[in-house]
Protein backbone atom coordinates (compact mmCIF):
# COMPACT_ATOMS: atom_id res chain seq x y z
CA MET A 1 137.97 108.07 112.43
CA LYS A 2 134.97 110.34 113.04
CA ASN A 3 131.56 108.93 111.47
CA ASN A 4 130.11 111.52 109.14
CA LEU A 5 126.47 111.61 107.83
CA ILE A 6 125.21 112.47 104.63
CA HIS A 7 121.89 113.85 104.47
CA ILE A 8 120.12 113.34 101.18
CA ALA A 9 116.51 113.23 99.54
CA ILE A 10 115.64 110.21 97.52
CA SER A 11 112.18 109.47 95.68
CA PRO A 12 109.77 106.84 97.46
CA ASN A 13 110.05 104.97 94.02
CA ILE A 14 113.95 104.76 94.00
CA LEU A 15 113.93 103.88 97.87
CA ALA A 16 111.15 101.06 97.08
CA SER A 17 113.43 99.70 94.39
CA LEU A 18 116.33 99.49 96.77
CA ILE A 19 114.63 97.96 99.44
CA GLU A 20 112.96 95.46 97.49
CA SER A 21 116.19 94.40 95.65
CA GLY A 22 117.86 94.22 99.30
CA SER A 23 120.42 96.91 98.20
CA ILE A 24 119.31 98.86 101.42
CA HIS A 25 117.65 97.71 104.50
CA VAL A 26 115.61 100.11 106.81
CA MET A 27 118.38 99.47 109.61
CA ASP A 28 120.96 101.09 107.35
CA PHE A 29 119.40 104.58 107.87
CA LYS A 30 117.10 106.92 110.01
CA CYS A 31 114.24 108.84 109.07
CA LEU A 32 114.38 112.67 110.04
CA ASN A 33 110.82 113.26 110.60
CA ALA A 34 107.51 111.49 111.22
CA ASP A 35 106.29 111.63 107.48
CA SER A 36 109.43 110.13 106.15
CA LYS A 37 109.28 107.47 108.77
CA LYS A 38 105.74 106.47 108.06
CA THR A 39 106.44 106.34 104.35
CA VAL A 40 109.39 104.53 104.83
CA TRP A 41 107.73 101.82 106.90
CA LYS A 42 104.84 101.54 104.11
CA LEU A 43 107.47 100.86 101.60
CA PHE A 44 109.28 98.19 103.81
CA LEU A 45 106.09 96.50 104.63
CA SER A 46 104.85 96.52 100.66
CA ALA A 47 108.38 94.95 100.03
CA VAL A 48 107.96 92.14 102.71
CA LYS A 49 104.50 91.35 101.36
CA LEU A 50 105.95 91.19 97.99
CA THR A 51 108.75 88.90 98.98
CA LYS A 52 106.23 86.61 100.70
CA LYS A 53 103.87 86.45 97.70
CA ASN A 54 106.82 85.73 95.41
CA LYS A 55 108.25 83.01 97.78
CA SER A 56 104.95 81.40 98.08
CA ARG A 57 104.63 81.32 94.21
CA TYR A 58 108.01 79.81 93.80
CA GLN A 59 107.12 77.08 96.35
CA GLU A 60 103.77 76.32 94.74
CA ASN A 61 105.88 75.67 91.47
CA GLY A 62 108.43 73.56 93.12
CA TYR A 63 111.26 76.22 92.92
CA VAL A 64 111.85 76.93 96.38
CA GLY A 65 112.07 74.16 99.29
């Protein structure tokens, strides 16, 4: 079966929400231009920071080991 690609446009806010929820990972797609790649990496890094920040809060409160 031939692997077909779908070319779509998505708002940064929706993409950020999908990344933060774990519904999509940056390895699941590729950027078609440098501006998109730069934006995606910013969104990914923000999601990682948010995840680490939340994990630290949970650990401080004894919720995560």
